[in-house]
Amino acid sequence: MKQRFWKTLTLCFALLLALPAPSWAAGYTQTRYPIVLVHGLFGFDSVGPVDYFYGIAAALRSGGADVYVTQVSAANSTEVRGEQLLLQVKQILAATGASKVNLVGHSHGGPTSRYVASVRPDLVASVTSVGGVNKGSRVADVLIGAVPDVTYGVANAVSGFISFLSGSPTLPQNARAAATSLSTAGTLAFNSRHPQGVPTSACGEGDYQVKGVYYFSWSGAQPYTNALDASDPVLALTALAFNGAKNDGLVSSCSSHLGRVIRDDYALNHLDEVNQLIGITNLFETNPVTIYRQQANRLQGLGL
């Protein structure tokens, strides 16, 4: 009887060891390579106490990850932003001694990260696209055909002010180039030059790994998620551009697909995906910070 008890106890202990580590466990987000966060259009690293990736970098670091938040032009073409990001990746590698980085890009940060992985795959372990504009945005298509030229001047001024507040006043701004890059035609042209991870079907998955770089994506699909969030009515309005297709308010679910699609139907909108505004998201959906932590743990499991 006693022998059977100890056998059962040993088996239970072995099963517990085989279970994945809980998200609160020490080292849960500790990846082999540094995690580099890349903002989207009109984005920044931080402005005063507010981070673009609100609370996300700190949460990843608390689990053991080495995290860097980059700053590229708030509004410019994917290639210009990509070259700016590449320079910062090289600086991060020089400072840390790491050989590669894990890029995580939101919105326009997705294609920006893809550019770096395409031109220097030897420096990139993985690309995770969050609400990424990988096959264009109907909102960009509508705006290009509707807004007067003076609007681009205003957008450039706003972008410059954002970069000034975040400590990078010399970054060049070009809102027209940004809009073109984010349009359907612009992304198709970009994809022809940098096709890695992009699905060949309308709404499928892309290659999981290309030239040693792993590709992932996830996105939300609910433009209006919290009545207390002042940005939600705006995203509910822009969502009308998609004519009923599943979207997060600025990017369709199908356009967000890249490589391995983790999910494209979180009940989150485009700003919720980076835990904005200031952490006000859908109370009935997985917290965005948790999704980033889970992805870091996924990278850890792959030895990245």
Protein backbone atom coordinates (compact mmCIF):
# COMPACT_ATOMS: atom_id res chain seq x y z
CA MET A 1 0.00 0.00 0.00
CA LYS A 2 2.78 2.39 1.00
CA GLN A 3 4.76 1.52 -2.14
CA ARG A 4 1.75 2.27 -4.31
CA PHE A 5 1.32 5.63 -2.57
CA TRP A 6 4.90 6.67 -3.32
CA LYS A 7 4.60 5.55 -6.94
CA THR A 8 1.46 7.65 -7.34
CA LEU A 9 3.10 10.65 -5.68
CA THR A 10 6.16 10.33 -7.92
CA LEU A 11 3.96 10.15 -11.02
CA CYS A 12 2.01 13.27 -9.98
CA PHE A 13 5.25 15.15 -9.37
CA ALA A 14 6.57 14.15 -12.81
CA LEU A 15 3.35 15.35 -14.45
CA LEU A 16 3.63 18.70 -12.67
CA LEU A 17 7.17 19.13 -13.96
CA ALA A 18 5.96 18.42 -17.49
CA LEU A 19 3.37 21.20 -17.38
CA PRO A 20 4.28 24.55 -18.99
CA ALA A 21 5.44 27.21 -16.55
CA PRO A 22 2.66 29.51 -15.35
CA SER A 23 2.78 33.07 -16.68
CA TRP A 24 3.80 34.42 -13.27
CA ALA A 25 6.78 32.09 -12.92
CA ALA A 26 10.28 33.58 -12.76
CA GLY A 27 11.95 33.44 -16.16
CA TYR A 28 8.65 33.01 -18.02
CA THR A 29 9.52 35.71 -20.59
CA GLN A 30 13.29 35.24 -20.62
CA THR A 31 14.28 34.77 -24.25
CA ARG A 32 17.67 33.88 -25.67
CA TYR A 33 17.77 37.05 -27.77
CA PRO A 34 16.69 40.60 -26.82
CA ILE A 35 13.11 41.61 -27.59
CA VAL A 36 12.85 44.82 -29.62
CA LEU A 37 9.50 46.66 -29.71
CA VAL A 38 8.69 48.74 -32.81
CA HIS A 39 5.88 51.32 -32.84
CA GLY A 40 3.42 52.11 -35.61
CA LEU A 41 2.20 55.24 -37.40
CA PHE A 42 2.24 58.39 -35.22
CA GLY A 43 4.00 56.27 -32.62
CA PHE A 44 6.81 56.87 -30.15
CA ASP A 45 8.83 55.05 -27.54
CA SER A 46 7.52 57.14 -24.65
CA VAL A 47 6.13 60.63 -24.09
CA GLY A 48 6.53 61.64 -20.48
CA PRO A 49 5.15 58.83 -18.31
CA VAL A 50 3.19 57.24 -21.17
CA ASP A 51 4.75 54.39 -23.14
CA TYR A 52 3.46 53.51 -26.61
CA PHE A 53 3.59 49.83 -25.58
CA TYR A 54 1.82 50.71 -22.35
CA GLY A 55 3.13 48.58 -19.48
CA ILE A 56 4.33 45.90 -21.89
CA ALA A 57 8.10 46.38 -21.75
CA ALA A 58 8.04 46.41 -17.94
CA ALA A 59 5.93 43.25 -17.82
CA LEU A 60 8.30 41.44 -20.17
CA ARG A 61 11.33 42.55 -18.17
CA SER A 62 9.72 41.38 -14.94
CA GLY A 63 9.72 37.86 -16.35
CA GLY A 64 13.38 37.99 -17.34
CA ALA A 65 13.32 39.39 -20.89
CA ASP A 66 15.90 41.87 -22.13
CA VAL A 67 13.67 44.49 -23.81
CA TYR A 68 14.43 47.51 -25.97
CA VAL A 69 11.89 50.05 -27.24
CA THR A 70 12.92 51.74 -30.47
CA GLN A 71 12.02 55.11 -31.96
CA VAL A 72 11.65 55.55 -35.72
CA SER A 73 9.91 58.27 -37.74
CA ALA A 74 6.33 58.70 -36.56
CA ALA A 75 5.30 58.98 -40.21
CA ASN A 76 7.41 57.87 -43.15
CA SER A 77 7.78 55.09 -45.68
CA THR A 78 8.38 51.52 -44.57
CA GLU A 79 11.86 51.55 -46.09
CA VAL A 80 12.93 54.76 -44.34
CA ARG A 81 11.61 53.51 -41.01
CA GLY A 82 13.20 50.13 -41.69
CA GLU A 83 16.65 51.62 -42.20
CA GLN A 84 16.26 53.60 -38.97
CA LEU A 85 15.29 50.41 -37.15
CA LEU A 86 18.20 48.48 -38.66
CA LEU A 87 20.65 51.04 -37.27
CA GLN A 88 19.14 50.66 -33.79
CA VAL A 89 19.21 46.86 -34.03
CA LYS A 90 22.93 47.03 -34.77
CA GLN A 91 23.41 49.32 -31.78
CA ILE A 92 21.47 46.94 -29.52
CA LEU A 93 23.53 43.98 -30.69
CA ALA A 94 26.76 45.89 -30.11
CA ALA A 95 25.66 46.91 -26.61
CA THR A 96 24.41 43.48 -25.54
CA GLY A 97 26.78 41.16 -27.36
CA ALA A 98 23.79 39.23 -28.69
CA SER A 99 23.92 37.91 -32.25
CA LYS A 100 20.22 38.41 -33.06
CA VAL A 101 17.04 40.11 -31.86
CA ASN A 102 13.35 39.23 -31.66
CA LEU A 103 11.41 42.02 -33.38
CA VAL A 104 7.84 42.78 -32.28
CA GLY A 105 6.13 45.42 -34.41
CA HIS A 106 2.69 46.95 -34.03
CA SER A 107 0.73 48.35 -37.00
CA HIS A 108 3.27 49.97 -39.36
CA GLY A 109 5.90 48.52 -37.04
CA GLY A 110 5.07 45.12 -38.54
CA PRO A 111 6.27 45.91 -42.09
CA THR A 112 9.09 48.00 -40.60
CA SER A 113 10.33 44.91 -38.74
CA ARG A 114 9.84 42.76 -41.82
CA TYR A 115 12.11 45.08 -43.79
CA VAL A 116 14.98 44.53 -41.35
CA ALA A 117 14.43 40.76 -41.37
CA SER A 118 14.42 40.79 -45.17
CA VAL A 119 17.62 42.78 -45.72
CA ARG A 120 19.53 41.40 -42.70
CA PRO A 121 18.07 38.01 -41.76
CA ASP A 122 21.34 37.16 -40.02
CA LEU A 123 20.50 39.73 -37.33
CA VAL A 124 16.90 38.64 -36.68
CA ALA A 125 15.66 35.56 -34.82
CA SER A 126 11.94 36.29 -35.20
CA VAL A 127 9.37 38.84 -36.31
CA THR A 128 6.04 39.13 -34.51
CA SER A 129 3.51 41.34 -36.28
CA VAL A 130 0.79 42.76 -34.01
CA GLY A 131 -2.13 44.23 -35.96
CA GLY A 132 0.40 44.64 -38.76
CA VAL A 133 -0.49 46.26 -42.08
CA ASN A 134 0.83 43.38 -44.16
CA LYS A 135 -1.61 43.64 -47.06
CA GLY A 136 -2.69 47.24 -46.79
CA SER A 137 -5.40 49.12 -44.94
CA ARG A 138 -8.71 50.21 -46.42
CA VAL A 139 -8.52 53.26 -44.17
CA ALA A 140 -5.29 54.34 -45.89
CA ASP A 141 -6.88 53.70 -49.30
CA VAL A 142 -9.85 55.92 -48.44
CA LEU A 143 -7.72 58.71 -46.98
CA ILE A 144 -5.36 58.85 -49.96
CA GLY A 145 -8.29 59.47 -52.26
CA ALA A 146 -10.10 61.90 -49.99
CA VAL A 147 -7.76 64.18 -48.04
CA PRO A 148 -6.38 67.43 -49.54
CA ASP A 149 -2.64 68.03 -49.82
CA VAL A 150 -2.65 70.44 -46.90
CA THR A 151 -3.60 67.54 -44.62
CA TYR A 152 -0.22 65.92 -45.21
CA GLY A 153 1.48 69.10 -44.05
CA VAL A 154 -0.54 69.06 -40.84
CA ALA A 155 0.24 65.36 -40.36
CA ASN A 156 3.95 66.06 -40.82
CA ALA A 157 3.77 68.78 -38.16
CA VAL A 158 1.98 66.43 -35.76
CA SER A 159 4.51 63.66 -36.44
CA GLY A 160 7.39 66.05 -35.87
CA PHE A 161 5.87 67.21 -32.59
CA ILE A 162 5.43 63.61 -31.43
CA SER A 163 9.06 62.85 -32.24
CA PHE A 164 10.13 66.04 -30.45
CA LEU A 165 8.22 65.06 -27.31
CA SER A 166 9.76 61.58 -27.37
CA GLY A 167 13.28 62.98 -27.65
CA SER A 168 13.97 62.41 -31.36
CA PRO A 169 13.31 65.80 -33.01
CA THR A 170 15.61 65.20 -36.00
CA LEU A 171 13.78 62.17 -37.39
CA PRO A 172 12.40 62.95 -40.88
CA GLN A 173 8.62 62.94 -41.32
CA ASN A 174 6.71 62.23 -44.53
CA ALA A 175 3.02 61.52 -44.00
CA ARG A 176 2.33 61.09 -47.71
CA ALA A 177 5.00 58.39 -47.95
CA ALA A 178 3.54 56.71 -44.86
CA ALA A 179 0.04 56.69 -46.34
CA THR A 180 1.35 55.22 -49.59
CA SER A 181 3.25 52.51 -47.72
CA LEU A 182 0.14 51.56 -45.75
CA SER A 183 -2.20 51.50 -48.75
CA THR A 184 -3.14 48.28 -50.51
CA ALA A 185 -1.10 49.20 -53.59
CA GLY A 186 1.87 50.29 -51.48
CA THR A 187 1.99 47.11 -49.42
CA LEU A 188 1.64 44.91 -52.50
CA ALA A 189 4.68 46.65 -54.00
CA PHE A 190 6.58 46.26 -50.72
CA ASN A 191 5.61 42.59 -50.49
CA SER A 192 6.97 41.93 -53.97
CA ARG A 193 10.37 43.09 -52.71
CA HIS A 194 10.10 41.61 -49.21
CA PRO A 195 7.76 38.58 -49.38
CA GLN A 196 9.04 36.65 -46.37
CA GLY A 197 6.21 35.30 -44.22
CA VAL A 198 3.43 36.92 -46.26
CA PRO A 199 0.55 34.52 -47.06
CA THR A 200 0.11 33.74 -50.74
CA SER A 201 -3.62 33.18 -50.20
CA ALA A 202 -6.10 35.92 -49.37
CA CYS A 203 -6.48 35.06 -45.70
CA GLY A 204 -4.20 32.15 -44.89
CA GLU A 205 -0.87 31.72 -43.15
CA GLY A 206 2.57 32.45 -44.53
CA ASP A 207 5.80 30.51 -44.20
CA TYR A 208 6.61 29.97 -40.55
CA GLN A 209 10.35 30.29 -41.11
CA VAL A 210 12.38 31.91 -43.91
CA LYS A 211 16.19 32.14 -43.97
CA GLY A 212 16.30 31.24 -40.29
CA VAL A 213 13.79 33.92 -39.23
CA TYR A 214 10.54 32.82 -37.55
CA TYR A 215 7.37 34.78 -38.42
CA PHE A 216 4.29 35.21 -36.21
CA SER A 217 1.22 37.44 -36.11
CA TRP A 218 -1.81 38.21 -33.99
CA SER A 219 -4.49 40.90 -34.05
CA GLY A 220 -7.80 42.06 -32.65
CA ALA A 221 -11.16 42.15 -34.39
CA GLN A 222 -13.45 44.36 -32.29
CA PRO A 223 -13.22 48.12 -32.99
CA TYR A 224 -15.35 49.20 -30.01
CA THR A 225 -14.35 47.53 -26.74
CA ASN A 226 -14.71 49.92 -23.81
CA ALA A 227 -17.03 52.91 -23.34
CA LEU A 228 -14.43 54.57 -21.10
CA ASP A 229 -11.85 54.66 -23.91
CA ALA A 230 -12.11 57.95 -25.83
CA SER A 231 -10.46 56.43 -28.92
CA ASP A 232 -13.04 53.69 -29.38
CA PRO A 233 -15.71 55.82 -31.16
CA VAL A 234 -13.06 56.92 -33.68
CA LEU A 235 -12.06 53.32 -34.39
CA ALA A 236 -15.71 52.31 -34.66
CA LEU A 237 -16.05 54.99 -37.36
CA THR A 238 -12.92 54.00 -39.31
CA ALA A 239 -14.05 50.37 -39.14
CA LEU A 240 -16.83 51.27 -41.59
CA ALA A 241 -14.20 51.42 -44.35
CA PHE A 242 -13.96 47.62 -44.26
CA ASN A 243 -17.56 47.02 -45.37
CA GLY A 244 -18.25 44.42 -42.70
CA ALA A 245 -14.98 42.49 -43.00
CA LYS A 246 -13.43 41.51 -39.68
CA ASN A 247 -11.07 44.27 -38.50
CA ASP A 248 -9.60 46.06 -35.48
CA GLY A 249 -10.69 49.51 -36.61
CA LEU A 250 -7.66 50.22 -38.81
CA VAL A 251 -6.45 46.87 -40.18
CA SER A 252 -8.47 43.91 -41.43
CA SER A 253 -7.85 40.56 -39.80
CA CYS A 254 -6.74 39.03 -43.11
CA SER A 255 -4.28 41.87 -43.76
CA SER A 256 -2.72 41.30 -40.35
CA HIS A 257 -1.72 37.72 -41.20
CA LEU A 258 2.00 36.93 -41.31
CA GLY A 259 3.72 33.58 -40.89
CA ARG A 260 2.13 31.59 -38.08
CA VAL A 261 -1.16 33.24 -37.14
CA ILE A 262 -1.59 32.94 -33.37
CA ARG A 263 -5.06 34.53 -33.46
CA ASP A 264 -6.79 37.18 -35.54
CA ASP A 265 -9.97 37.48 -33.52
CA TYR A 266 -9.12 38.84 -30.09
CA ALA A 267 -11.89 41.14 -28.87
CA LEU A 268 -9.46 44.05 -29.03
CA ASN A 269 -9.09 47.08 -31.28
CA HIS A 270 -6.00 48.57 -32.88
CA LEU A 271 -4.97 50.59 -29.82
CA ASP A 272 -5.93 47.85 -27.36
CA GLU A 273 -3.24 45.76 -29.07
CA VAL A 274 -0.62 47.94 -27.38
CA ASN A 275 -2.65 48.29 -24.16
CA GLN A 276 -3.88 51.81 -25.00
CA LEU A 277 -5.38 54.11 -24.08
CA ILE A 278 -3.40 53.86 -20.81
CA GLY A 279 -4.53 50.31 -20.13
CA ILE A 280 -8.25 50.81 -20.85
CA THR A 281 -9.10 47.74 -22.94
CA ASN A 282 -11.76 45.04 -23.13
CA LEU A 283 -12.43 43.73 -19.62
CA PHE A 284 -13.81 40.49 -21.05
CA GLU A 285 -10.81 39.59 -23.21
CA THR A 286 -7.28 38.43 -22.45
CA ASN A 287 -5.22 41.37 -21.23
CA PRO A 288 -2.92 42.53 -24.07
CA VAL A 289 0.07 42.47 -21.71
CA THR A 290 -0.58 38.77 -21.13
CA ILE A 291 -0.57 38.12 -24.89
CA TYR A 292 2.89 39.69 -25.20
CA ARG A 293 4.13 37.63 -22.27
CA GLN A 294 2.74 34.47 -23.84
CA GLN A 295 4.51 35.27 -27.10
CA ALA A 296 7.81 35.81 -25.29
CA ASN A 297 7.36 32.42 -23.64
CA ARG A 298 6.59 30.92 -27.06
CA LEU A 299 9.87 32.33 -28.38
CA GLN A 300 11.63 30.95 -25.33
CA GLY A 301 10.26 27.50 -26.10
CA LEU A 302 11.77 27.71 -29.59
CA GLY A 303 15.16 28.65 -28.18
CA LEU A 304 14.86 32.21 -29.45
